[in-house]
PDB file of all heavy atoms in Angstrom:
ATOM      1  N   TYR A   1      -6.228  17.056   7.988  1.00  0.00           N
ATOM      2  CA  TYR A   1      -6.202  18.489   7.723  1.00  0.00           C
ATOM      3  C   TYR A   1      -4.722  18.973   7.574  1.00  0.00           C
ATOM      4  O   TYR A   1      -4.030  18.941   8.567  1.00  0.00           O
ATOM      5  CB  TYR A   1      -6.940  19.254   8.907  1.00  0.00           C
ATOM      6  CG  TYR A   1      -7.168  20.714   8.576  1.00  0.00           C
ATOM      7  CD1 TYR A   1      -8.292  21.039   7.719  1.00  0.00           C
ATOM      8  CD2 TYR A   1      -6.452  21.684   8.959  1.00  0.00           C
ATOM      9  CE1 TYR A   1      -8.554  22.361   7.398  1.00  0.00           C
ATOM     10  CE2 TYR A   1      -6.744  23.068   8.715  1.00  0.00           C
ATOM     11  CZ  TYR A   1      -7.791  23.342   7.917  1.00  0.00           C
ATOM     12  OH  TYR A   1      -8.024  24.731   7.614  1.00  0.00           O
ATOM     13  N   GLN A   2      -4.453  19.352   6.314  1.00  0.00           N
ATOM     14  CA  GLN A   2      -3.049  19.727   6.038  1.00  0.00           C
ATOM     15  C   GLN A   2      -3.051  20.911   5.084  1.00  0.00           C
ATOM     16  O   GLN A   2      -3.806  20.965   4.112  1.00  0.00           O
ATOM     17  CB  GLN A   2      -2.310  18.642   5.394  1.00  0.00           C
ATOM     18  CG  GLN A   2      -1.993  17.428   6.266  1.00  0.00           C
ATOM     19  CD  GLN A   2      -1.256  16.371   5.644  1.00  0.00           C
ATOM     20  OE1 GLN A   2      -1.430  16.095   4.384  1.00  0.00           O
ATOM     21  NE2 GLN A   2      -0.491  15.639   6.330  1.00  0.00           N
ATOM     22  N   GLY A   3      -2.315  21.898   5.394  1.00  0.00           N
ATOM     23  CA  GLY A   3      -2.096  23.136   4.547  1.00  0.00           C
ATOM     24  C   GLY A   3      -3.415  23.873   4.359  1.00  0.00           C
ATOM     25  O   GLY A   3      -3.774  24.289   3.277  1.00  0.00           O
ATOM     26  N   SER A   4      -4.243  23.989   5.458  1.00  0.00           N
ATOM     27  CA  SER A   4      -5.503  24.693   5.414  1.00  0.00           C
ATOM     28  C   SER A   4      -6.621  24.089   4.634  1.00  0.00           C
ATOM     29  O   SER A   4      -7.537  24.660   4.113  1.00  0.00           O
ATOM     30  CB  SER A   4      -5.328  26.112   5.097  1.00  0.00           C
ATOM     31  OG  SER A   4      -5.059  26.323   3.733  1.00  0.00           O
ATOM     32  N   ALA A   5      -6.494  22.693   4.401  1.00  0.00           N
ATOM     33  CA  ALA A   5      -7.563  22.008   3.668  1.00  0.00           C
ATOM     34  C   ALA A   5      -7.607  20.510   4.105  1.00  0.00           C
ATOM     35  O   ALA A   5      -6.532  19.989   4.506  1.00  0.00           O
ATOM     36  CB  ALA A   5      -7.374  22.118   2.242  1.00  0.00           C
ATOM     37  N   TRP A   6      -8.751  19.899   4.042  1.00  0.00           N
ATOM     38  CA  TRP A   6      -8.863  18.534   4.343  1.00  0.00           C
ATOM     39  C   TRP A   6      -8.332  17.723   3.119  1.00  0.00           C
ATOM     40  O   TRP A   6      -8.654  17.943   2.006  1.00  0.00           O
ATOM     41  CB  TRP A   6     -10.272  18.158   4.545  1.00  0.00           C
ATOM     42  CG  TRP A   6     -10.790  18.610   5.885  1.00  0.00           C
ATOM     43  CD1 TRP A   6     -11.611  19.708   6.064  1.00  0.00           C
ATOM     44  CD2 TRP A   6     -10.493  18.056   7.146  1.00  0.00           C
ATOM     45  NE1 TRP A   6     -11.879  19.836   7.398  1.00  0.00           N
ATOM     46  CE2 TRP A   6     -11.276  18.895   8.116  1.00  0.00           C
ATOM     47  CE3 TRP A   6      -9.821  17.044   7.713  1.00  0.00           C
ATOM     48  CZ2 TRP A   6     -11.134  18.667   9.547  1.00  0.00           C
ATOM     49  CZ3 TRP A   6      -9.740  16.803   9.002  1.00  0.00           C
ATOM     50  CH2 TRP A   6     -10.438  17.627   9.860  1.00  0.00           C
ATOM     51  N   GLN A   7      -7.507  16.708   3.389  1.00  0.00           N
ATOM     52  CA  GLN A   7      -6.934  15.820   2.409  1.00  0.00           C
ATOM     53  C   GLN A   7      -7.391  14.464   2.589  1.00  0.00           C
ATOM     54  O   GLN A   7      -7.201  13.896   3.686  1.00  0.00           O
ATOM     55  CB  GLN A   7      -5.416  15.877   2.438  1.00  0.00           C
ATOM     56  CG  GLN A   7      -4.720  17.170   2.532  1.00  0.00           C
ATOM     57  CD  GLN A   7      -4.859  17.930   1.137  1.00  0.00           C
ATOM     58  OE1 GLN A   7      -4.851  17.381   0.049  1.00  0.00           O
ATOM     59  NE2 GLN A   7      -5.127  19.208   1.204  1.00  0.00           N
ATOM     60  N   PHE A   8      -8.046  13.889   1.611  1.00  0.00           N
ATOM     61  CA  PHE A   8      -8.580  12.536   1.701  1.00  0.00           C
ATOM     62  C   PHE A   8      -7.398  11.510   1.379  1.00  0.00           C
ATOM     63  O   PHE A   8      -6.752  11.743   0.377  1.00  0.00           O
ATOM     64  CB  PHE A   8      -9.712  12.354   0.693  1.00  0.00           C
ATOM     65  CG  PHE A   8     -11.003  13.134   1.159  1.00  0.00           C
ATOM     66  CD1 PHE A   8     -11.133  14.324   0.903  1.00  0.00           C
ATOM     67  CD2 PHE A   8     -12.008  12.365   1.774  1.00  0.00           C
ATOM     68  CE1 PHE A   8     -12.233  15.079   1.264  1.00  0.00           C
ATOM     69  CE2 PHE A   8     -13.126  13.105   2.163  1.00  0.00           C
ATOM     70  CZ  PHE A   8     -13.281  14.368   1.890  1.00  0.00           C
ATOM     71  N   ILE A   9      -7.271  10.578   2.280  1.00  0.00           N
ATOM     72  CA  ILE A   9      -6.186   9.658   2.126  1.00  0.00           C
ATOM     73  C   ILE A   9      -6.723   8.524   1.218  1.00  0.00           C
ATOM     74  O   ILE A   9      -7.767   7.935   1.431  1.00  0.00           O
ATOM     75  CB  ILE A   9      -5.821   8.999   3.458  1.00  0.00           C
ATOM     76  CG1 ILE A   9      -5.283  10.088   4.360  1.00  0.00           C
ATOM     77  CG2 ILE A   9      -4.757   7.886   3.252  1.00  0.00           C
ATOM     78  CD1 ILE A   9      -4.968   9.721   5.781  1.00  0.00           C
ATOM     79  N   GLY A  10      -5.996   8.405   0.175  1.00  0.00           N
ATOM     80  CA  GLY A  10      -6.402   7.344  -0.920  1.00  0.00           C
ATOM     81  C   GLY A  10      -6.208   5.969  -0.488  1.00  0.00           C
ATOM     82  O   GLY A  10      -5.359   5.722   0.414  1.00  0.00           O
ATOM     83  N   GLN A  11      -6.762   5.106  -1.126  1.00  0.00           N
ATOM     84  CA  GLN A  11      -6.582   3.680  -0.861  1.00  0.00           C
ATOM     85  C   GLN A  11      -5.276   3.173  -1.506  1.00  0.00           C
ATOM     86  O   GLN A  11      -4.904   3.662  -2.526  1.00  0.00           O
ATOM     87  CB  GLN A  11      -7.798   2.828  -1.398  1.00  0.00           C
ATOM     88  CG  GLN A  11      -9.059   3.070  -0.666  1.00  0.00           C
ATOM     89  CD  GLN A  11     -10.113   2.119  -1.168  1.00  0.00           C
ATOM     90  OE1 GLN A  11     -10.004   1.295  -2.002  1.00  0.00           O
ATOM     91  NE2 GLN A  11     -11.335   2.182  -0.500  1.00  0.00           N
ATOM     92  N   VAL A  12      -4.663   2.278  -0.771  1.00  0.00           N
ATOM     93  CA  VAL A  12      -3.363   1.777  -1.238  1.00  0.00           C
ATOM     94  C   VAL A  12      -3.553   0.219  -1.421  1.00  0.00           C
ATOM     95  O   VAL A  12      -3.962  -0.428  -0.489  1.00  0.00           O
ATOM     96  CB  VAL A  12      -2.249   2.002  -0.224  1.00  0.00           C
ATOM     97  CG1 VAL A  12      -0.932   1.378  -0.748  1.00  0.00           C
ATOM     98  CG2 VAL A  12      -2.119   3.540   0.061  1.00  0.00           C
ATOM     99  N   SER A  13      -3.300  -0.178  -2.669  1.00  0.00           N
ATOM    100  CA  SER A  13      -3.420  -1.653  -2.912  1.00  0.00           C
ATOM    101  C   SER A  13      -2.098  -2.335  -2.883  1.00  0.00           C
ATOM    102  O   SER A  13      -1.036  -1.736  -3.092  1.00  0.00           O
ATOM    103  CB  SER A  13      -4.005  -1.854  -4.381  1.00  0.00           C
ATOM    104  OG  SER A  13      -5.346  -1.273  -4.439  1.00  0.00           O
ATOM    105  N   GLY A  14      -2.058  -3.577  -2.502  1.00  0.00           N
ATOM    106  CA  GLY A  14      -0.856  -4.364  -2.559  1.00  0.00           C
ATOM    107  C   GLY A  14      -0.452  -4.683  -3.908  1.00  0.00           C
ATOM    108  O   GLY A  14      -1.136  -4.442  -4.920  1.00  0.00           O
ATOM    109  N   PRO A  15       0.819  -5.211  -4.042  1.00  0.00           N
ATOM    110  CA  PRO A  15       1.269  -5.537  -5.456  1.00  0.00           C
ATOM    111  C   PRO A  15       0.445  -6.741  -6.083  1.00  0.00           C
ATOM    112  O   PRO A  15      -0.017  -7.668  -5.378  1.00  0.00           O
ATOM    113  CB  PRO A  15       2.722  -6.032  -5.186  1.00  0.00           C
ATOM    114  CG  PRO A  15       2.684  -6.392  -3.682  1.00  0.00           C
ATOM    115  CD  PRO A  15       1.736  -5.575  -3.021  1.00  0.00           C
ATOM    116  N   VAL A  16       0.174  -6.549  -7.400  1.00  0.00           N
ATOM    117  CA  VAL A  16      -0.657  -7.527  -8.113  1.00  0.00           C
ATOM    118  C   VAL A  16      -0.074  -8.001  -9.387  1.00  0.00           C
ATOM    119  O   VAL A  16      -0.517  -8.928  -9.998  1.00  0.00           O
ATOM    120  CB  VAL A  16      -2.048  -7.045  -8.348  1.00  0.00           C
ATOM    121  CG1 VAL A  16      -2.895  -6.943  -7.046  1.00  0.00           C
ATOM    122  CG2 VAL A  16      -2.038  -5.691  -9.091  1.00  0.00           C
ATOM    123  N   ALA A  17       0.906  -7.255  -9.928  1.00  0.00           N
ATOM    124  CA  ALA A  17       1.558  -7.641 -11.283  1.00  0.00           C
ATOM    125  C   ALA A  17       2.949  -7.393 -11.247  1.00  0.00           C
ATOM    126  O   ALA A  17       3.604  -7.077 -10.227  1.00  0.00           O
ATOM    127  CB  ALA A  17       0.835  -6.837 -12.335  1.00  0.00           C
ATOM    128  N   GLY A  18       3.588  -7.598 -12.379  1.00  0.00           N
ATOM    129  CA  GLY A  18       5.020  -7.339 -12.559  1.00  0.00           C
ATOM    130  C   GLY A  18       5.652  -8.491 -13.182  1.00  0.00           C
ATOM    131  O   GLY A  18       5.183  -9.560 -13.302  1.00  0.00           O
ATOM    132  N   THR A  19       6.859  -8.194 -13.706  1.00  0.00           N
ATOM    133  CA  THR A  19       7.542  -9.253 -14.448  1.00  0.00           C
ATOM    134  C   THR A  19       8.335 -10.199 -13.473  1.00  0.00           C
ATOM    135  O   THR A  19       8.518 -11.355 -13.761  1.00  0.00           O
ATOM    136  CB  THR A  19       8.603  -8.599 -15.402  1.00  0.00           C
ATOM    137  OG1 THR A  19       9.441  -7.738 -14.718  1.00  0.00           O
ATOM    138  CG2 THR A  19       7.902  -7.920 -16.483  1.00  0.00           C
ATOM    139  N   THR A  20       8.834  -9.615 -12.348  1.00  0.00           N
ATOM    140  CA  THR A  20       9.431 -10.444 -11.338  1.00  0.00           C
ATOM    141  C   THR A  20       8.584 -10.485 -10.124  1.00  0.00           C
ATOM    142  O   THR A  20       8.203  -9.419  -9.609  1.00  0.00           O
ATOM    143  CB  THR A  20      10.778  -9.902 -11.004  1.00  0.00           C
ATOM    144  OG1 THR A  20      11.644  -9.802 -12.132  1.00  0.00           O
ATOM    145  CG2 THR A  20      11.531 -10.722  -9.932  1.00  0.00           C
ATOM    146  N   ILE A  21       8.120 -11.651  -9.724  1.00  0.00           N
ATOM    147  CA  ILE A  21       7.223 -11.777  -8.522  1.00  0.00           C
ATOM    148  C   ILE A  21       7.985 -12.363  -7.437  1.00  0.00           C
ATOM    149  O   ILE A  21       8.498 -13.496  -7.465  1.00  0.00           O
ATOM    150  CB  ILE A  21       5.966 -12.664  -8.899  1.00  0.00           C
ATOM    151  CG1 ILE A  21       5.226 -11.941  -9.976  1.00  0.00           C
ATOM    152  CG2 ILE A  21       5.155 -12.908  -7.679  1.00  0.00           C
ATOM    153  CD1 ILE A  21       4.048 -12.777 -10.570  1.00  0.00           C
ATOM    154  N   ASP A  22       8.089 -11.571  -6.348  1.00  0.00           N
ATOM    155  CA  ASP A  22       8.751 -11.995  -5.149  1.00  0.00           C
ATOM    156  C   ASP A  22       7.706 -12.259  -4.049  1.00  0.00           C
ATOM    157  O   ASP A  22       7.133 -11.308  -3.459  1.00  0.00           O
ATOM    158  CB  ASP A  22       9.730 -10.934  -4.689  1.00  0.00           C
ATOM    159  CG  ASP A  22      10.539 -11.322  -3.474  1.00  0.00           C
ATOM    160  OD1 ASP A  22      10.120 -12.228  -2.632  1.00  0.00           O
ATOM    161  OD2 ASP A  22      11.659 -10.709  -3.230  1.00  0.00           O
ATOM    162  N   LEU A  23       7.336 -13.502  -3.860  1.00  0.00           N
ATOM    163  CA  LEU A  23       6.220 -13.767  -2.904  1.00  0.00           C
ATOM    164  C   LEU A  23       6.446 -13.405  -1.456  1.00  0.00           C
ATOM    165  O   LEU A  23       5.550 -12.963  -0.847  1.00  0.00           O
ATOM    166  CB  LEU A  23       5.876 -15.312  -2.989  1.00  0.00           C
ATOM    167  CG  LEU A  23       5.303 -15.866  -4.334  1.00  0.00           C
ATOM    168  CD1 LEU A  23       5.208 -17.318  -4.288  1.00  0.00           C
ATOM    169  CD2 LEU A  23       4.020 -15.069  -4.692  1.00  0.00           C
ATOM    170  N   GLU A  24       7.752 -13.472  -1.046  1.00  0.00           N
ATOM    171  CA  GLU A  24       8.006 -13.063   0.314  1.00  0.00           C
ATOM    172  C   GLU A  24       7.846 -11.517   0.485  1.00  0.00           C
ATOM    173  O   GLU A  24       7.249 -11.090   1.464  1.00  0.00           O
ATOM    174  CB  GLU A  24       9.447 -13.490   0.695  1.00  0.00           C
ATOM    175  CG  GLU A  24       9.614 -14.937   0.893  1.00  0.00           C
ATOM    176  CD  GLU A  24      11.044 -15.352   1.123  1.00  0.00           C
ATOM    177  OE1 GLU A  24      11.962 -14.493   1.138  1.00  0.00           O
ATOM    178  OE2 GLU A  24      11.290 -16.563   1.442  1.00  0.00           O
ATOM    179  N   ALA A  25       8.282 -10.815  -0.541  1.00  0.00           N
ATOM    180  CA  ALA A  25       8.115  -9.408  -0.441  1.00  0.00           C
ATOM    181  C   ALA A  25       6.703  -8.982  -0.563  1.00  0.00           C
ATOM    182  O   ALA A  25       6.158  -8.094   0.228  1.00  0.00           O
ATOM    183  CB  ALA A  25       8.916  -8.691  -1.599  1.00  0.00           C
ATOM    184  N   ARG A  26       5.883  -9.647  -1.421  1.00  0.00           N
ATOM    185  CA  ARG A  26       4.475  -9.331  -1.494  1.00  0.00           C
ATOM    186  C   ARG A  26       3.760  -9.700  -0.212  1.00  0.00           C
ATOM    187  O   ARG A  26       2.873  -8.885   0.274  1.00  0.00           O
ATOM    188  CB  ARG A  26       3.793 -10.101  -2.617  1.00  0.00           C
ATOM    189  CG  ARG A  26       4.234  -9.551  -3.989  1.00  0.00           C
ATOM    190  CD  ARG A  26       3.606 -10.293  -5.142  1.00  0.00           C
ATOM    191  NE  ARG A  26       4.075  -9.731  -6.395  1.00  0.00           N
ATOM    192  CZ  ARG A  26       3.399  -9.476  -7.436  1.00  0.00           C
ATOM    193  NH1 ARG A  26       2.123  -9.814  -7.452  1.00  0.00           N
ATOM    194  NH2 ARG A  26       3.867  -9.055  -8.494  1.00  0.00           N
ATOM    195  N   THR A  27       4.034 -10.764   0.417  1.00  0.00           N
ATOM    196  CA  THR A  27       3.499 -11.126   1.659  1.00  0.00           C
ATOM    197  C   THR A  27       3.802 -10.069   2.764  1.00  0.00           C
ATOM    198  O   THR A  27       2.908  -9.657   3.543  1.00  0.00           O
ATOM    199  CB  THR A  27       3.904 -12.483   2.164  1.00  0.00           C
ATOM    200  OG1 THR A  27       3.577 -13.510   1.126  1.00  0.00           O
ATOM    201  CG2 THR A  27       3.337 -12.905   3.472  1.00  0.00           C
ATOM    202  N   ALA A  28       5.052  -9.642   2.814  1.00  0.00           N
ATOM    203  CA  ALA A  28       5.414  -8.599   3.774  1.00  0.00           C
ATOM    204  C   ALA A  28       4.697  -7.288   3.445  1.00  0.00           C
ATOM    205  O   ALA A  28       4.176  -6.613   4.443  1.00  0.00           O
ATOM    206  CB  ALA A  28       6.952  -8.284   3.690  1.00  0.00           C
ATOM    207  N   ILE A  29       4.594  -6.826   2.241  1.00  0.00           N
ATOM    208  CA  ILE A  29       3.874  -5.605   1.907  1.00  0.00           C
ATOM    209  C   ILE A  29       2.415  -5.677   2.237  1.00  0.00           C
ATOM    210  O   ILE A  29       1.825  -4.781   2.870  1.00  0.00           O
ATOM    211  CB  ILE A  29       4.070  -5.280   0.420  1.00  0.00           C
ATOM    212  CG1 ILE A  29       5.552  -4.881   0.101  1.00  0.00           C
ATOM    213  CG2 ILE A  29       3.194  -4.167  -0.044  1.00  0.00           C
ATOM    214  CD1 ILE A  29       5.892  -4.839  -1.402  1.00  0.00           C
ATOM    215  N   ASP A  30       1.737  -6.807   1.951  1.00  0.00           N
ATOM    216  CA  ASP A  30       0.406  -7.014   2.282  1.00  0.00           C
ATOM    217  C   ASP A  30       0.099  -7.041   3.796  1.00  0.00           C
ATOM    218  O   ASP A  30      -0.860  -6.420   4.210  1.00  0.00           O
ATOM    219  CB  ASP A  30      -0.127  -8.337   1.691  1.00  0.00           C
ATOM    220  CG  ASP A  30      -0.312  -8.306   0.189  1.00  0.00           C
ATOM    221  OD1 ASP A  30      -0.477  -7.103  -0.376  1.00  0.00           O
ATOM    222  OD2 ASP A  30      -0.351  -9.368  -0.483  1.00  0.00           O
ATOM    223  N   SER A  31       1.059  -7.583   4.527  1.00  0.00           N
ATOM    224  CA  SER A  31       0.871  -7.528   6.027  1.00  0.00           C
ATOM    225  C   SER A  31       0.997  -6.150   6.546  1.00  0.00           C
ATOM    226  O   SER A  31       0.346  -5.782   7.456  1.00  0.00           O
ATOM    227  CB  SER A  31       1.826  -8.553   6.749  1.00  0.00           C
ATOM    228  OG  SER A  31       3.163  -8.289   6.525  1.00  0.00           O
ATOM    229  N   ILE A  32       2.037  -5.379   5.994  1.00  0.00           N
ATOM    230  CA  ILE A  32       2.178  -4.010   6.457  1.00  0.00           C
ATOM    231  C   ILE A  32       0.905  -3.172   6.113  1.00  0.00           C
ATOM    232  O   ILE A  32       0.414  -2.375   6.935  1.00  0.00           O
ATOM    233  CB  ILE A  32       3.423  -3.411   5.774  1.00  0.00           C
ATOM    234  CG1 ILE A  32       4.695  -4.009   6.311  1.00  0.00           C
ATOM    235  CG2 ILE A  32       3.485  -1.862   6.032  1.00  0.00           C
ATOM    236  CD1 ILE A  32       5.918  -3.680   5.495  1.00  0.00           C
ATOM    237  N   LEU A  33       0.347  -3.338   4.925  1.00  0.00           N
ATOM    238  CA  LEU A  33      -0.768  -2.610   4.577  1.00  0.00           C
ATOM    239  C   LEU A  33      -1.995  -3.011   5.460  1.00  0.00           C
ATOM    240  O   LEU A  33      -2.815  -2.133   5.892  1.00  0.00           O
ATOM    241  CB  LEU A  33      -1.170  -2.881   3.178  1.00  0.00           C
ATOM    242  CG  LEU A  33      -0.242  -2.303   2.054  1.00  0.00           C
ATOM    243  CD1 LEU A  33      -0.592  -2.732   0.660  1.00  0.00           C
ATOM    244  CD2 LEU A  33      -0.137  -0.739   2.169  1.00  0.00           C
ATOM    245  N   GLU A  34      -2.111  -4.276   5.825  1.00  0.00           N
ATOM    246  CA  GLU A  34      -3.169  -4.661   6.766  1.00  0.00           C
ATOM    247  C   GLU A  34      -3.087  -4.112   8.045  1.00  0.00           C
ATOM    248  O   GLU A  34      -4.064  -3.662   8.692  1.00  0.00           O
ATOM    249  CB  GLU A  34      -3.238  -6.246   6.749  1.00  0.00           C
ATOM    250  CG  GLU A  34      -4.393  -6.775   7.623  1.00  0.00           C
ATOM    251  CD  GLU A  34      -5.687  -6.291   7.126  1.00  0.00           C
ATOM    252  OE1 GLU A  34      -5.924  -6.104   5.935  1.00  0.00           O
ATOM    253  OE2 GLU A  34      -6.548  -6.044   7.968  1.00  0.00           O
ATOM    254  N   VAL A  35      -1.901  -4.066   8.553  1.00  0.00           N
ATOM    255  CA  VAL A  35      -1.672  -3.349   9.804  1.00  0.00           C
ATOM    256  C   VAL A  35      -2.046  -1.884   9.854  1.00  0.00           C
ATOM    257  O   VAL A  35      -2.711  -1.385  10.705  1.00  0.00           O
ATOM    258  CB  VAL A  35      -0.178  -3.574  10.442  1.00  0.00           C
ATOM    259  CG1 VAL A  35       0.093  -2.664  11.550  1.00  0.00           C
ATOM    260  CG2 VAL A  35       0.073  -5.000  10.722  1.00  0.00           C
ATOM    261  N   LEU A  36      -1.632  -1.250   8.775  1.00  0.00           N
ATOM    262  CA  LEU A  36      -1.987   0.198   8.661  1.00  0.00           C
ATOM    263  C   LEU A  36      -3.469   0.378   8.500  1.00  0.00           C
ATOM    264  O   LEU A  36      -4.038   1.365   8.999  1.00  0.00           O
ATOM    265  CB  LEU A  36      -1.227   0.837   7.361  1.00  0.00           C
ATOM    266  CG  LEU A  36       0.278   0.859   7.607  1.00  0.00           C
ATOM    267  CD1 LEU A  36       0.914   1.353   6.266  1.00  0.00           C
ATOM    268  CD2 LEU A  36       0.622   1.803   8.665  1.00  0.00           C
TER     269      LEU A  36
END
């Protein structure tokens, strides 16, 4: 509930594409998302 209305928290996906793939960064981001 923010600003006198309910706000639905959207889903956040991990990284899946890109021209430069950093596996260590993707693993870290995925683990942070899983903890959240």
